[in-house]
Protein backbone atom coordinates (compact mmCIF):
# COMPACT_ATOMS: atom_id res chain seq x y z
CA MET A 1 150.75 -7.20 11.11
CA LYS A 2 149.38 -3.73 10.46
CA SER A 3 151.80 -0.87 10.59
CA ILE A 4 151.55 1.30 13.67
CA PHE A 5 152.18 4.30 11.46
CA LYS A 6 149.37 5.90 9.51
CA SER A 7 149.81 5.80 5.78
CA LYS A 8 149.47 8.83 3.57
CA PRO A 9 146.14 9.27 1.79
CA LYS A 10 146.23 7.75 -1.67
CA THR A 11 144.37 9.27 -4.60
CA SER A 12 144.65 8.56 -8.27
CA LYS A 13 144.86 12.28 -9.07
CA SER A 14 146.93 15.14 -7.71
CA SER A 15 145.15 17.61 -5.44
CA ASP A 16 145.28 20.47 -7.95
CA GLU A 17 143.96 18.17 -10.67
CA VAL A 18 141.02 17.23 -8.45
CA VAL A 19 140.22 20.93 -8.06
CA ARG A 20 140.39 21.55 -11.80
CA LEU A 21 138.11 18.61 -12.59
CA THR A 22 135.67 19.75 -9.91
CA ARG A 23 135.67 23.25 -11.32
CA ASN A 24 134.95 22.02 -14.84
CA LEU A 25 131.97 19.98 -13.69
CA LEU A 26 130.64 22.86 -11.59
CA VAL A 27 130.82 25.13 -14.64
CA SER A 28 128.85 22.55 -16.61
CA LEU A 29 126.29 22.29 -13.84
CA LEU A 30 125.94 26.05 -13.60
CA SER A 31 125.61 26.51 -17.35
CA ASN A 32 122.60 24.17 -17.45
CA GLU A 33 123.97 22.15 -20.30
CA PRO A 34 121.25 20.07 -22.00
CA ASP A 35 120.40 16.90 -20.10
CA PHE A 36 123.20 17.45 -17.59
CA ARG A 37 121.06 16.19 -14.73
CA LYS A 38 120.25 13.06 -16.67
CA ARG A 39 123.89 12.20 -17.01
CA ASP A 40 124.18 10.25 -13.80
CA ASP A 41 127.78 9.42 -14.45
CA LYS A 42 128.82 13.08 -14.42
CA VAL A 43 126.75 13.84 -11.35
CA ALA A 44 128.30 10.85 -9.59
CA GLU A 45 131.75 11.99 -10.68
CA LEU A 46 131.18 15.46 -9.24
CA ASN A 47 130.05 13.99 -5.93
CA LYS A 48 133.15 11.80 -5.84
CA LEU A 49 135.47 14.71 -6.62
CA ILE A 50 134.02 16.77 -3.79
CA ARG A 51 134.53 13.78 -1.50
CA ASP A 52 138.13 13.57 -2.72
CA LEU A 53 138.63 17.24 -1.86
CA LYS A 54 137.43 16.56 1.67
CA PHE A 55 139.63 13.47 1.89
CA ILE A 56 142.74 15.41 0.87
CA LEU A 57 142.06 18.20 3.39
CA TYR A 58 140.98 16.07 6.34
CA GLY A 59 142.60 12.71 5.73
CA SER A 60 140.84 9.67 7.15
CA ALA A 61 140.96 7.24 10.07
CA GLU A 62 143.85 5.46 8.36
CA SER A 63 145.76 8.44 6.96
CA GLU A 64 146.70 11.98 7.82
CA PRO A 65 146.35 14.89 5.37
CA VAL A 66 149.52 15.73 3.48
CA ALA A 67 150.62 19.33 3.94
CA GLU A 68 151.95 19.77 0.41
CA ALA A 69 148.77 18.35 -1.13
CA CYS A 70 146.65 20.68 0.99
CA LYS A 71 148.76 23.63 -0.08
CA LYS A 72 148.40 22.84 -3.78
CA LEU A 73 144.69 22.24 -3.39
CA THR A 74 144.23 25.58 -1.63
CA GLU A 75 146.23 27.51 -4.23
CA GLU A 76 144.30 25.98 -7.10
CA PHE A 77 140.95 26.37 -5.35
CA PHE A 78 141.22 30.15 -5.08
CA LYS A 79 142.93 30.64 -8.43
CA GLU A 80 139.93 30.31 -10.75
CA ASN A 81 136.88 31.05 -8.58
CA THR A 82 136.22 27.45 -7.55
CA LEU A 83 134.91 28.70 -4.21
CA ARG A 84 132.37 30.91 -5.98
CA LEU A 85 131.24 28.06 -8.20
CA LEU A 86 130.90 25.68 -5.29
CA ILE A 87 128.81 28.14 -3.25
CA ILE A 88 126.54 29.07 -6.15
CA CYS A 89 126.05 25.47 -7.24
CA LEU A 90 125.44 24.13 -3.74
CA PRO A 91 121.61 24.10 -4.08
CA ARG A 92 121.99 21.81 -7.12
CA LEU A 93 124.04 19.21 -5.30
CA ASN A 94 122.64 16.27 -3.36
CA LEU A 95 122.64 16.26 0.42
CA GLU A 96 125.85 14.26 0.82
CA ALA A 97 127.74 16.47 -1.62
CA ARG A 98 126.45 19.60 0.14
CA THR A 99 127.72 18.31 3.45
CA ASP A 100 131.13 17.45 1.99
CA ALA A 101 131.32 20.84 0.25
CA THR A 102 130.51 22.62 3.51
CA GLN A 103 133.36 20.81 5.23
CA VAL A 104 135.73 21.64 2.40
CA VAL A 105 134.90 25.36 2.61
CA ALA A 106 135.31 25.25 6.40
CA ASN A 107 138.75 23.64 6.16
CA LEU A 108 139.98 26.08 3.52
CA GLN A 109 139.43 28.96 5.95
CA ARG A 110 142.31 27.56 8.01
CA GLN A 111 144.74 26.63 5.25
CA TYR A 112 147.97 28.61 5.10
CA VAL A 113 149.97 29.05 1.90
CA ASP A 114 153.46 30.49 2.29
CA GLY A 115 152.62 31.72 5.77
CA ARG A 116 149.34 33.46 5.00
CA LEU A 117 145.67 32.65 4.84
CA ILE A 118 144.35 32.89 1.29
CA ALA A 119 140.64 32.55 2.04
CA PRO A 120 140.07 36.00 3.64
CA ILE A 121 141.99 37.69 0.83
CA TYR A 122 139.75 36.04 -1.74
CA LEU A 123 136.56 36.76 0.19
CA GLU A 124 137.47 40.40 0.66
CA GLU A 125 137.71 40.70 -3.12
CA ASN A 126 134.40 38.86 -3.58
CA LEU A 127 132.14 40.28 -0.88
CA ASP A 128 129.00 39.42 -2.85
CA LEU A 129 129.60 35.80 -1.85
CA LEU A 130 128.90 36.80 1.75
CA ASP A 131 125.53 38.22 0.69
CA ILE A 132 124.77 34.92 -1.03
CA LEU A 133 125.61 32.99 2.14
CA VAL A 134 123.44 35.28 4.26
CA SER A 135 120.52 34.95 1.85
CA GLY A 136 120.75 31.18 2.33
CA TYR A 137 118.50 31.62 5.37
CA GLU A 138 115.67 32.18 2.91
CA ASP A 139 115.99 28.66 1.50
CA PRO A 140 115.32 25.85 4.02
CA GLU A 141 117.13 23.34 1.78
CA ILE A 142 120.53 25.01 2.12
CA THR A 143 120.21 27.05 5.31
CA LEU A 144 122.36 24.87 7.55
CA HIS A 145 125.07 24.47 4.91
CA TYR A 146 125.32 28.16 4.07
CA GLY A 147 125.06 29.03 7.76
CA ASN A 148 128.01 26.80 8.62
CA MET A 149 130.03 28.24 5.75
CA LEU A 150 129.26 31.79 6.84
CA ARG A 151 130.32 31.17 10.43
CA GLU A 152 133.60 29.71 9.22
CA CYS A 153 134.20 32.74 6.99
CA ILE A 154 133.60 35.24 9.80
CA ARG A 155 136.36 33.61 11.80
CA HIS A 156 138.41 36.18 9.88
CA GLN A 157 138.01 39.58 11.51
CA ILE A 158 138.09 41.49 8.25
CA ILE A 159 135.29 39.34 6.85
CA ALA A 160 133.19 39.68 10.00
CA ARG A 161 133.53 43.45 9.72
CA SER A 162 132.37 43.33 6.11
CA VAL A 163 129.27 41.33 7.07
CA LEU A 164 128.43 43.67 9.95
CA GLU A 165 128.71 46.71 7.70
CA SER A 166 126.70 45.19 4.84
CA GLU A 167 123.03 45.74 4.14
CA SER A 168 122.53 42.00 4.47
CA PHE A 169 123.31 42.10 8.19
CA ARG A 170 120.00 43.79 8.96
CA LYS A 171 118.18 40.75 7.59
CA PHE A 172 119.23 38.76 10.65
CA PHE A 173 116.61 40.55 12.74
CA ASP A 174 114.00 38.87 10.54
CA TYR A 175 115.77 35.54 10.08
CA ILE A 176 115.97 35.06 13.84
CA GLN A 177 112.18 35.14 13.99
CA LEU A 178 111.46 32.75 11.14
CA PRO A 179 108.89 30.07 12.06
CA HIS A 180 111.24 27.21 11.19
CA PHE A 181 113.07 26.48 14.44
CA ASP A 182 116.23 25.06 12.80
CA ILE A 183 116.62 28.09 10.55
CA ALA A 184 115.94 30.59 13.34
CA ALA A 185 118.39 28.79 15.65
CA ASP A 186 121.13 28.76 13.02
CA ALA A 187 120.58 32.46 12.23
CA THR A 188 120.76 33.23 15.96
CA ALA A 189 124.06 31.36 16.24
CA THR A 190 125.55 33.37 13.38
CA PHE A 191 124.14 36.64 14.74
CA LYS A 192 125.70 35.95 18.14
CA GLU A 193 129.03 35.02 16.56
CA LEU A 194 129.09 38.29 14.62
CA LEU A 195 128.42 40.32 17.77
CA THR A 196 130.78 38.58 20.19
CA ARG A 197 133.75 37.02 18.37
CA HIS A 198 135.86 40.01 17.30
CA LYS A 199 135.55 42.42 20.19
CA SER A 200 137.25 45.52 18.79
CA THR A 201 135.34 45.24 15.53
CA VAL A 202 132.03 44.82 17.37
CA ALA A 203 132.72 47.81 19.62
CA GLY A 204 133.40 50.01 16.62
CA PHE A 205 130.34 48.76 14.78
CA LEU A 206 127.99 49.33 17.71
CA SER A 207 129.35 52.82 18.32
CA ASN A 208 128.92 53.82 14.69
CA ASN A 209 125.51 52.18 14.25
CA PHE A 210 124.07 52.60 17.72
CA ASP A 211 120.72 54.21 16.86
CA TRP A 212 119.38 51.86 14.18
CA PHE A 213 120.93 48.73 15.66
CA PHE A 214 119.42 49.05 19.13
CA HIS A 215 116.14 50.34 17.75
CA ASP A 216 115.80 47.14 15.72
CA TYR A 217 117.17 45.04 18.59
CA ASN A 218 114.61 46.44 21.00
CA THR A 219 111.55 46.45 18.77
CA LYS A 220 112.15 43.25 16.83
CA LEU A 221 113.86 41.05 19.39
CA LEU A 222 113.39 42.22 22.99
CA GLU A 223 109.74 43.10 22.35
CA SER A 224 109.07 40.14 20.10
CA SER A 225 105.91 38.10 20.71
CA ASN A 226 108.04 34.95 20.56
CA TYR A 227 109.27 33.74 23.93
CA ILE A 228 112.43 32.07 22.60
CA THR A 229 113.38 35.22 20.67
CA ARG A 230 112.97 37.40 23.76
CA ARG A 231 114.93 35.03 25.96
CA GLN A 232 117.86 34.69 23.55
CA ALA A 233 117.86 38.43 22.85
CA ILE A 234 118.04 39.51 26.49
CA LYS A 235 120.79 37.00 27.21
CA LEU A 236 122.85 38.18 24.24
CA LEU A 237 122.26 41.81 25.21
CA GLY A 238 123.80 41.09 28.59
CA ASP A 239 126.83 39.48 26.95
CA ILE A 240 127.25 42.51 24.70
CA LEU A 241 126.83 45.24 27.32
CA LEU A 242 128.96 43.54 29.96
CA GLU A 243 131.88 43.07 27.55
CA ARG A 244 134.69 45.40 28.63
CA SER A 245 135.38 46.62 25.09
CA ASN A 246 131.74 47.78 24.83
CA SER A 247 131.81 49.96 27.95
CA ALA A 248 131.07 53.16 26.02
CA VAL A 249 128.16 51.49 24.25
CA MET A 250 126.87 50.16 27.57
CA ILE A 251 126.84 53.62 29.17
CA ARG A 252 125.04 55.04 26.17
CA TYR A 253 122.47 52.24 26.17
CA VAL A 254 121.58 52.40 29.86
CA SER A 255 121.24 56.19 29.78
CA LEU A 256 118.14 55.98 27.56
CA LYS A 257 114.76 55.76 29.31
CA ASP A 258 113.15 53.71 26.55
CA ASN A 259 115.71 50.99 27.10
CA LEU A 260 115.04 51.02 30.83
CA ARG A 261 111.30 50.70 30.16
CA ILE A 262 111.90 47.59 28.06
CA LEU A 263 114.03 46.05 30.80
CA MET A 264 111.34 46.78 33.36
CA ASN A 265 108.79 45.01 31.21
CA LEU A 266 111.06 42.01 30.86
CA LEU A 267 111.41 41.88 34.64
CA ARG A 268 107.64 41.38 34.74
CA GLU A 269 107.82 38.31 32.50
CA SER A 270 106.34 35.12 33.91
CA SER A 271 109.48 33.26 32.79
CA LYS A 272 112.09 33.12 35.54
CA ASN A 273 114.82 32.68 32.92
CA ILE A 274 113.94 35.94 31.19
CA GLN A 275 113.58 37.66 34.57
CA MET A 276 117.06 36.56 35.59
CA ASP A 277 118.71 37.57 32.31
CA ALA A 278 116.86 40.90 32.36
CA PHE A 279 118.02 41.43 35.93
CA HIS A 280 121.67 41.01 34.92
CA VAL A 281 121.22 43.78 32.36
CA PHE A 282 119.17 45.78 34.86
CA LYS A 283 122.12 45.72 37.29
CA VAL A 284 124.17 47.53 34.69
CA GLN A 285 121.88 50.51 35.22
CA ARG A 286 123.03 50.70 38.83
CA ILE A 287 126.67 50.15 37.95
CA ALA A 288 126.45 53.02 35.48
CA GLY A 289 124.93 55.20 38.16
CA GLY A 290 121.74 55.67 36.23
CA LEU A 291 119.23 54.05 38.58
CA ASN A 292 117.64 55.20 41.83
CA LEU A 293 115.71 52.31 43.35
CA THR A 294 113.90 54.51 45.85
CA GLY A 295 112.75 56.93 43.18
CA SER A 296 109.64 56.88 41.04
CA TYR A 297 109.85 53.30 39.77
CA PRO A 298 106.83 51.08 40.52
CA PRO A 299 106.98 49.11 43.81
CA PHE A 300 106.88 45.75 41.99
CA CYS A 301 110.16 46.65 40.29
CA ILE A 302 111.83 47.41 43.61
CA ARG A 303 110.51 44.23 45.24
CA ARG A 304 111.53 42.12 42.23
CA PHE A 305 114.99 43.71 42.18
CA TYR A 306 115.79 42.59 45.71
CA ARG A 307 113.98 39.26 45.47
CA LEU A 308 116.00 38.22 42.41
């Protein structure tokens, strides 16, 4: 008769030893040692070690993760730059190992050691890793893995702020419009997460970077020739402006005539979805007291306003 209690995960090596062995193999992989790729046994060993890391952190259907093992793994992982090595070497791993590595990085963002999260402390001291993750959108082979890692990292408010304030953030306006749908969709998901998750950080960022941000948002996204880009952009704009913490930004945005012109054009779209989302933003103009419907606006705008 099987026990009704789940057994603890069994591994032949301790969790910190698994990290050290993984790190050593990643160093070898990164150093391009002669014929490393031909040594199938070492490549297979690296894949297995990364699987073991995931097993320790997540457990399995038959066993729960052990808190002490997770703690030791986390401490060792951030001690000697294993996270850096894993991120940099990710393009050289096979698909299964990349997926396992992505899950390991995601889990480590939630691991506490002595009552504190270690991951954001390490990332704050190694901000170049965030630039590497962002640049992953330029490589279709690793986009989804780096994108998932990045979204897990920006769960930490201090890391999200660092990404928003980096030069790399501006690249999202181009990534969102890439022709590969999967890449563009993943970049859009990360972009939205950055602009909606940490409300106080977003409000401060938008206030300090209002001019260039909304110039790029308007010209590259709202006025994009791509229907999906326009639709997602107008919907996100509504989420941003109608957020209570962004009230000052909202008033500033709706007070500019160029922004009103763009909204008017979106109200003329043949797509009902874009019309509706544009209308929700358009209503903000009235709420802010900046719109006179009986004024000089074209009749089609007035008719459309009441019809919608």
